[in-house]
């Protein structure tokens, strides 16, 4: 069902500093910041030859990333994103297997404008999983 690893998301307390860290110390190609109000985050993508790193900063007080950073003030890995061919089909199959889909359970646009679903971390060994339609 899952395809390639699309990105690893890292929550950070200071997006500009984290982006500079990747760009200036590792020589990475770093995107401009993009606000994602529907997800409560501002994102930057670090482009790698085989995948991406998504740096996440809270956007607003109700951001899930603000909650994450309150428990992990220095930041840390927030989620893994895998590609799937058909997000609706993947969601139905997983729900049928008892996997909990977060939010409404319906796909919504993600940072790349493609439909995504988030899967409960308790169903994946403590790891928040994002599925993105390829």
N, C-alpha and C. Protein backbone atom coordinates (compact mmCIF):
# COMPACT_ATOMS: atom_id res chain seq x y z
N UNK A 1 0.82 -1.19 0.00
CA UNK A 1 0.00 0.00 0.00
C UNK A 1 0.87 1.26 0.00
N UNK A 2 1.87 1.34 0.91
CA UNK A 2 2.65 2.57 0.95
C UNK A 2 3.74 2.54 -0.12
N UNK A 3 4.04 3.72 -0.59
CA UNK A 3 5.11 3.90 -1.57
C UNK A 3 6.33 4.48 -0.90
N UNK A 4 6.95 5.40 -1.59
CA UNK A 4 8.20 5.94 -1.08
C UNK A 4 7.99 6.88 0.10
N UNK A 5 9.05 7.06 0.87
CA UNK A 5 9.05 8.04 1.96
C UNK A 5 9.05 9.42 1.31
N UNK A 6 8.01 10.20 1.57
CA UNK A 6 7.92 11.53 0.98
C UNK A 6 8.75 12.52 1.79
N UNK A 7 8.58 12.51 3.13
CA UNK A 7 9.37 13.40 3.97
C UNK A 7 9.36 12.96 5.42
N UNK A 8 10.34 13.47 6.14
CA UNK A 8 10.41 13.37 7.59
C UNK A 8 10.15 14.77 8.11
N UNK A 9 9.18 14.93 9.01
CA UNK A 9 8.83 16.25 9.53
C UNK A 9 9.46 16.45 10.90
N UNK A 10 10.09 17.59 11.07
CA UNK A 10 10.75 17.94 12.33
C UNK A 10 10.13 19.23 12.84
N UNK A 11 9.59 19.19 14.05
CA UNK A 11 9.06 20.39 14.69
C UNK A 11 10.23 21.19 15.26
N UNK A 12 10.20 22.49 15.03
CA UNK A 12 11.29 23.36 15.49
C UNK A 12 10.71 24.61 16.17
N UNK A 13 11.40 25.12 17.18
CA UNK A 13 10.91 26.33 17.83
C UNK A 13 11.21 27.61 17.05
N UNK A 14 12.19 27.57 16.14
CA UNK A 14 12.58 28.75 15.36
C UNK A 14 12.85 28.31 13.92
N UNK A 15 11.89 28.52 13.05
CA UNK A 15 11.97 28.04 11.67
C UNK A 15 13.13 28.68 10.91
N UNK A 16 13.31 29.98 11.06
CA UNK A 16 14.39 30.67 10.33
C UNK A 16 15.75 30.11 10.75
N UNK A 17 15.95 29.90 12.03
CA UNK A 17 17.23 29.36 12.51
C UNK A 17 17.44 27.93 12.02
N UNK A 18 16.39 27.12 12.03
CA UNK A 18 16.50 25.73 11.57
C UNK A 18 16.80 25.68 10.08
N UNK A 19 16.12 26.52 9.30
CA UNK A 19 16.37 26.55 7.85
C UNK A 19 17.81 26.98 7.57
N UNK A 20 18.28 27.99 8.29
CA UNK A 20 19.66 28.45 8.12
C UNK A 20 20.65 27.35 8.49
N UNK A 21 20.33 26.60 9.51
CA UNK A 21 21.19 25.50 9.96
C UNK A 21 21.39 24.49 8.82
N UNK A 22 20.30 24.07 8.20
CA UNK A 22 20.39 23.11 7.09
C UNK A 22 21.09 23.73 5.87
N UNK A 23 20.77 24.99 5.58
CA UNK A 23 21.33 25.65 4.40
C UNK A 23 22.82 25.96 4.59
N UNK A 24 23.16 26.57 5.71
CA UNK A 24 24.52 27.07 5.91
C UNK A 24 25.50 26.01 6.38
N UNK A 25 25.05 25.05 7.14
CA UNK A 25 25.97 24.04 7.66
C UNK A 25 26.03 22.79 6.79
N UNK A 26 24.90 22.44 6.18
CA UNK A 26 24.87 21.22 5.38
C UNK A 26 24.81 21.49 3.88
N UNK A 27 24.68 22.76 3.50
CA UNK A 27 24.63 23.11 2.09
C UNK A 27 23.37 22.66 1.38
N UNK A 28 22.29 22.52 2.13
CA UNK A 28 21.03 22.03 1.57
C UNK A 28 20.26 23.12 0.84
N UNK A 29 19.47 22.70 -0.14
CA UNK A 29 18.53 23.58 -0.83
C UNK A 29 17.28 23.66 0.04
N UNK A 30 16.95 24.87 0.51
CA UNK A 30 15.85 25.08 1.46
C UNK A 30 14.81 25.99 0.81
N UNK A 31 13.55 25.59 0.88
CA UNK A 31 12.47 26.39 0.30
C UNK A 31 12.19 27.63 1.15
N UNK A 32 11.42 28.54 0.59
CA UNK A 32 10.93 29.67 1.36
C UNK A 32 9.86 29.17 2.33
N UNK A 33 9.67 29.87 3.45
CA UNK A 33 8.60 29.48 4.38
C UNK A 33 7.23 29.63 3.73
N UNK A 34 6.33 28.72 4.08
CA UNK A 34 4.95 28.77 3.58
C UNK A 34 4.01 28.52 4.74
N UNK A 35 3.09 29.45 4.96
CA UNK A 35 2.09 29.27 6.00
C UNK A 35 1.03 28.27 5.54
N UNK A 36 0.67 27.37 6.44
CA UNK A 36 -0.36 26.36 6.19
C UNK A 36 -1.42 26.53 7.28
N UNK A 37 -2.27 27.58 7.20
CA UNK A 37 -3.20 27.87 8.29
C UNK A 37 -4.16 26.73 8.61
N UNK A 38 -4.54 25.92 7.58
CA UNK A 38 -5.46 24.82 7.84
C UNK A 38 -4.84 23.73 8.70
N UNK A 39 -3.50 23.72 8.80
CA UNK A 39 -2.79 22.75 9.64
C UNK A 39 -2.13 23.41 10.85
N UNK A 40 -2.20 24.75 10.93
CA UNK A 40 -1.62 25.45 12.07
C UNK A 40 -0.11 25.46 12.09
N UNK A 41 0.52 25.47 10.91
CA UNK A 41 1.98 25.44 10.84
C UNK A 41 2.51 26.35 9.74
N UNK A 42 3.75 26.72 9.89
CA UNK A 42 4.53 27.30 8.80
C UNK A 42 5.58 26.26 8.47
N UNK A 43 5.78 25.99 7.18
CA UNK A 43 6.69 24.93 6.77
C UNK A 43 7.81 25.45 5.89
N UNK A 44 8.91 24.73 5.95
CA UNK A 44 10.03 24.89 5.03
C UNK A 44 10.42 23.48 4.63
N UNK A 45 10.73 23.29 3.36
CA UNK A 45 11.18 21.96 2.91
C UNK A 45 12.65 22.01 2.53
N UNK A 46 13.37 21.04 3.05
CA UNK A 46 14.78 20.83 2.73
C UNK A 46 14.79 19.73 1.68
N UNK A 47 15.27 20.06 0.49
CA UNK A 47 15.26 19.10 -0.62
C UNK A 47 16.50 18.22 -0.57
N UNK A 48 16.29 16.92 -0.61
CA UNK A 48 17.37 15.93 -0.66
C UNK A 48 17.22 15.13 -1.94
N UNK A 49 18.25 14.44 -2.39
CA UNK A 49 18.14 13.67 -3.63
C UNK A 49 17.06 12.59 -3.59
N UNK A 50 16.80 12.01 -2.41
CA UNK A 50 15.88 10.87 -2.34
C UNK A 50 14.62 11.12 -1.53
N UNK A 51 14.51 12.28 -0.87
CA UNK A 51 13.33 12.61 -0.07
C UNK A 51 13.41 14.07 0.35
N UNK A 52 12.62 14.47 1.33
CA UNK A 52 12.62 15.83 1.85
C UNK A 52 12.59 15.79 3.38
N UNK A 53 13.05 16.88 3.97
CA UNK A 53 12.86 17.13 5.40
C UNK A 53 11.89 18.30 5.46
N UNK A 54 10.84 18.16 6.24
CA UNK A 54 9.88 19.26 6.43
C UNK A 54 10.13 19.83 7.82
N UNK A 55 10.48 21.10 7.88
CA UNK A 55 10.63 21.79 9.16
C UNK A 55 9.32 22.49 9.46
N UNK A 56 8.80 22.29 10.67
CA UNK A 56 7.49 22.80 11.06
C UNK A 56 7.62 23.76 12.25
N UNK A 57 7.00 24.90 12.13
CA UNK A 57 6.93 25.87 13.23
C UNK A 57 5.46 26.16 13.49
N UNK A 58 5.08 26.35 14.75
CA UNK A 58 3.67 26.65 15.04
C UNK A 58 3.20 27.92 14.34
N UNK A 59 1.96 27.89 13.90
CA UNK A 59 1.29 29.06 13.34
C UNK A 59 0.02 29.25 14.17
N UNK A 60 0.08 30.13 15.13
CA UNK A 60 -1.05 30.36 16.02
C UNK A 60 -0.95 29.53 17.29
N UNK A 61 -1.69 29.96 18.29
CA UNK A 61 -1.64 29.32 19.61
C UNK A 61 -2.27 27.93 19.64
N UNK A 62 -3.17 27.64 18.72
CA UNK A 62 -3.85 26.34 18.71
C UNK A 62 -3.15 25.32 17.82
N UNK A 63 -1.95 25.63 17.40
CA UNK A 63 -1.21 24.73 16.53
C UNK A 63 -0.85 23.43 17.25
N UNK A 64 -1.03 22.29 16.57
CA UNK A 64 -0.59 21.03 17.18
C UNK A 64 0.92 21.01 17.39
N UNK A 65 1.64 21.79 16.62
CA UNK A 65 3.10 21.86 16.79
C UNK A 65 3.45 22.62 18.07
N UNK A 66 2.65 23.60 18.45
CA UNK A 66 2.87 24.30 19.72
C UNK A 66 2.74 23.32 20.88
N UNK A 67 1.75 22.46 20.80
CA UNK A 67 1.56 21.43 21.83
C UNK A 67 2.75 20.49 21.86
N UNK A 68 3.22 20.05 20.70
CA UNK A 68 4.38 19.17 20.60
C UNK A 68 5.61 19.84 21.22
N UNK A 69 5.82 21.13 20.89
CA UNK A 69 6.99 21.84 21.40
C UNK A 69 6.90 22.12 22.89
N UNK A 70 5.67 22.18 23.43
CA UNK A 70 5.55 22.36 24.88
C UNK A 70 6.09 21.14 25.62
N UNK A 71 6.01 19.98 24.98
CA UNK A 71 6.55 18.74 25.57
C UNK A 71 7.99 18.49 25.15
N UNK A 72 8.40 19.09 24.04
CA UNK A 72 9.74 18.90 23.47
C UNK A 72 10.28 20.27 23.06
N UNK A 73 10.71 21.09 24.01
CA UNK A 73 11.04 22.49 23.71
C UNK A 73 12.16 22.69 22.69
N UNK A 74 13.04 21.72 22.54
CA UNK A 74 14.11 21.85 21.54
C UNK A 74 13.67 21.36 20.16
N UNK A 75 12.46 20.80 20.06
CA UNK A 75 11.97 20.26 18.81
C UNK A 75 12.26 18.78 18.71
N UNK A 76 11.97 18.21 17.55
CA UNK A 76 12.21 16.80 17.33
C UNK A 76 11.37 16.27 16.19
N UNK A 77 11.58 15.00 15.87
CA UNK A 77 10.83 14.38 14.78
C UNK A 77 9.35 14.35 15.16
N UNK A 78 8.52 14.88 14.28
CA UNK A 78 7.08 14.96 14.52
C UNK A 78 6.33 13.84 13.81
N UNK A 79 6.63 13.60 12.52
CA UNK A 79 5.94 12.54 11.79
C UNK A 79 6.74 12.10 10.57
N UNK A 80 6.33 10.95 10.03
CA UNK A 80 6.85 10.43 8.77
C UNK A 80 5.72 10.48 7.76
N UNK A 81 6.03 10.83 6.53
CA UNK A 81 5.02 10.88 5.48
C UNK A 81 5.37 9.90 4.38
N UNK A 82 4.42 9.01 4.09
CA UNK A 82 4.57 8.03 3.02
C UNK A 82 3.58 8.34 1.91
N UNK A 83 3.97 8.06 0.69
CA UNK A 83 3.08 8.24 -0.45
C UNK A 83 2.21 7.01 -0.65
N UNK A 84 0.98 7.24 -1.08
CA UNK A 84 0.06 6.17 -1.48
C UNK A 84 -0.54 6.57 -2.82
N UNK A 85 -0.94 5.56 -3.60
CA UNK A 85 -1.51 5.85 -4.92
C UNK A 85 -2.91 6.45 -4.83
N UNK A 86 -3.72 5.96 -3.89
CA UNK A 86 -5.11 6.40 -3.77
C UNK A 86 -5.42 6.60 -2.29
N UNK A 87 -5.49 7.86 -1.87
CA UNK A 87 -5.67 8.18 -0.44
C UNK A 87 -7.01 7.68 0.08
N UNK A 88 -8.06 7.76 -0.72
CA UNK A 88 -9.38 7.29 -0.28
C UNK A 88 -9.38 5.79 -0.04
N UNK A 89 -8.80 5.05 -0.97
CA UNK A 89 -8.71 3.61 -0.85
C UNK A 89 -7.86 3.22 0.36
N UNK A 90 -6.72 3.90 0.54
CA UNK A 90 -5.84 3.61 1.67
C UNK A 90 -6.57 3.86 2.99
N UNK A 91 -7.29 4.98 3.07
CA UNK A 91 -8.03 5.30 4.29
C UNK A 91 -9.09 4.26 4.61
N UNK A 92 -9.83 3.84 3.59
CA UNK A 92 -10.88 2.82 3.81
C UNK A 92 -10.28 1.49 4.26
N UNK A 93 -9.19 1.08 3.61
CA UNK A 93 -8.55 -0.19 3.99
C UNK A 93 -8.03 -0.13 5.42
N UNK A 94 -7.38 0.96 5.77
CA UNK A 94 -6.82 1.08 7.11
C UNK A 94 -7.91 1.15 8.17
N UNK A 95 -8.96 1.91 7.90
CA UNK A 95 -10.08 1.99 8.85
C UNK A 95 -10.70 0.61 9.04
N UNK A 96 -10.81 -0.14 7.95
CA UNK A 96 -11.34 -1.50 8.03
C UNK A 96 -10.48 -2.43 8.86
N UNK A 97 -9.20 -2.10 8.97
CA UNK A 97 -8.28 -2.88 9.79
C UNK A 97 -8.19 -2.37 11.23
N UNK A 98 -9.01 -1.35 11.54
CA UNK A 98 -9.04 -0.81 12.89
C UNK A 98 -8.05 0.30 13.17
N UNK A 99 -7.38 0.81 12.13
CA UNK A 99 -6.45 1.92 12.30
C UNK A 99 -7.25 3.20 12.50
N UNK A 100 -6.87 3.99 13.49
CA UNK A 100 -7.55 5.26 13.75
C UNK A 100 -6.97 6.36 12.88
N UNK A 101 -7.87 7.02 12.14
CA UNK A 101 -7.49 8.14 11.30
C UNK A 101 -7.86 9.41 12.07
N UNK A 102 -6.90 10.31 12.18
CA UNK A 102 -7.11 11.52 12.98
C UNK A 102 -8.00 12.53 12.26
N UNK A 103 -8.54 13.45 13.03
CA UNK A 103 -9.42 14.48 12.47
C UNK A 103 -10.75 13.90 12.06
N UNK A 104 -11.28 14.39 10.98
CA UNK A 104 -12.59 13.95 10.50
C UNK A 104 -12.53 12.57 9.85
N UNK A 105 -11.32 12.11 9.54
CA UNK A 105 -11.17 10.85 8.83
C UNK A 105 -11.21 11.01 7.32
N UNK A 106 -11.49 12.22 6.88
CA UNK A 106 -11.54 12.52 5.45
C UNK A 106 -10.23 13.19 5.02
N UNK A 107 -9.73 12.86 3.83
CA UNK A 107 -8.52 13.52 3.34
C UNK A 107 -8.73 15.02 3.21
N UNK A 108 -7.65 15.76 3.47
CA UNK A 108 -7.67 17.21 3.27
C UNK A 108 -6.35 17.62 2.64
N UNK A 109 -6.30 18.79 2.01
CA UNK A 109 -5.07 19.20 1.33
C UNK A 109 -3.91 19.36 2.32
N UNK A 110 -2.76 18.83 1.94
CA UNK A 110 -1.56 18.96 2.75
C UNK A 110 -0.67 20.09 2.23
N UNK A 111 0.56 20.12 2.72
CA UNK A 111 1.50 21.20 2.38
C UNK A 111 1.83 21.24 0.89
N UNK A 112 1.71 20.11 0.20
CA UNK A 112 2.00 20.07 -1.24
C UNK A 112 0.73 20.24 -2.07
N UNK A 113 -0.41 20.51 -1.41
CA UNK A 113 -1.67 20.66 -2.13
C UNK A 113 -2.32 19.34 -2.48
N UNK A 114 -1.72 18.23 -2.09
CA UNK A 114 -2.27 16.90 -2.37
C UNK A 114 -3.02 16.41 -1.14
N UNK A 115 -4.01 15.52 -1.30
CA UNK A 115 -4.77 15.04 -0.15
C UNK A 115 -3.92 14.19 0.79
N UNK A 116 -4.13 14.42 2.09
CA UNK A 116 -3.39 13.69 3.13
C UNK A 116 -4.34 13.18 4.20
N UNK A 117 -3.86 12.17 4.91
CA UNK A 117 -4.50 11.65 6.12
C UNK A 117 -3.41 11.45 7.16
N UNK A 118 -3.76 11.62 8.43
CA UNK A 118 -2.84 11.32 9.52
C UNK A 118 -3.37 10.13 10.29
N UNK A 119 -2.48 9.22 10.64
CA UNK A 119 -2.83 7.99 11.34
C UNK A 119 -2.35 8.07 12.79
N UNK A 120 -3.18 7.59 13.70
CA UNK A 120 -2.89 7.71 15.13
C UNK A 120 -1.56 7.04 15.48
N UNK A 121 -0.70 7.75 16.23
CA UNK A 121 0.60 7.18 16.58
C UNK A 121 0.52 5.89 17.40
N UNK A 122 -0.54 5.73 18.17
CA UNK A 122 -0.66 4.51 18.98
C UNK A 122 -0.88 3.27 18.11
N UNK A 123 -1.26 3.48 16.85
CA UNK A 123 -1.45 2.36 15.94
C UNK A 123 -0.19 2.06 15.13
N UNK A 124 0.88 2.87 15.32
CA UNK A 124 2.13 2.70 14.57
C UNK A 124 3.34 2.88 15.46
N UNK A 125 3.40 2.11 16.54
CA UNK A 125 4.54 2.07 17.43
C UNK A 125 4.98 3.45 17.93
N UNK A 126 4.00 4.31 18.21
CA UNK A 126 4.30 5.64 18.75
C UNK A 126 4.71 6.68 17.72
N UNK A 127 4.56 6.37 16.44
CA UNK A 127 4.96 7.30 15.38
C UNK A 127 3.73 7.83 14.65
N UNK A 128 3.61 9.15 14.59
CA UNK A 128 2.55 9.77 13.79
C UNK A 128 2.89 9.56 12.32
N UNK A 129 1.93 9.03 11.57
CA UNK A 129 2.13 8.74 10.15
C UNK A 129 1.19 9.63 9.33
N UNK A 130 1.76 10.26 8.32
CA UNK A 130 0.98 11.00 7.33
C UNK A 130 1.03 10.21 6.04
N UNK A 131 -0.12 10.06 5.41
CA UNK A 131 -0.20 9.47 4.08
C UNK A 131 -0.55 10.59 3.11
N UNK A 132 0.16 10.65 1.99
CA UNK A 132 -0.08 11.66 0.97
C UNK A 132 -0.28 10.97 -0.36
N UNK A 133 -1.35 11.39 -1.06
CA UNK A 133 -1.59 10.80 -2.37
C UNK A 133 -0.49 11.24 -3.34
N UNK A 134 0.11 10.27 -4.01
CA UNK A 134 1.22 10.54 -4.94
C UNK A 134 0.70 11.16 -6.23
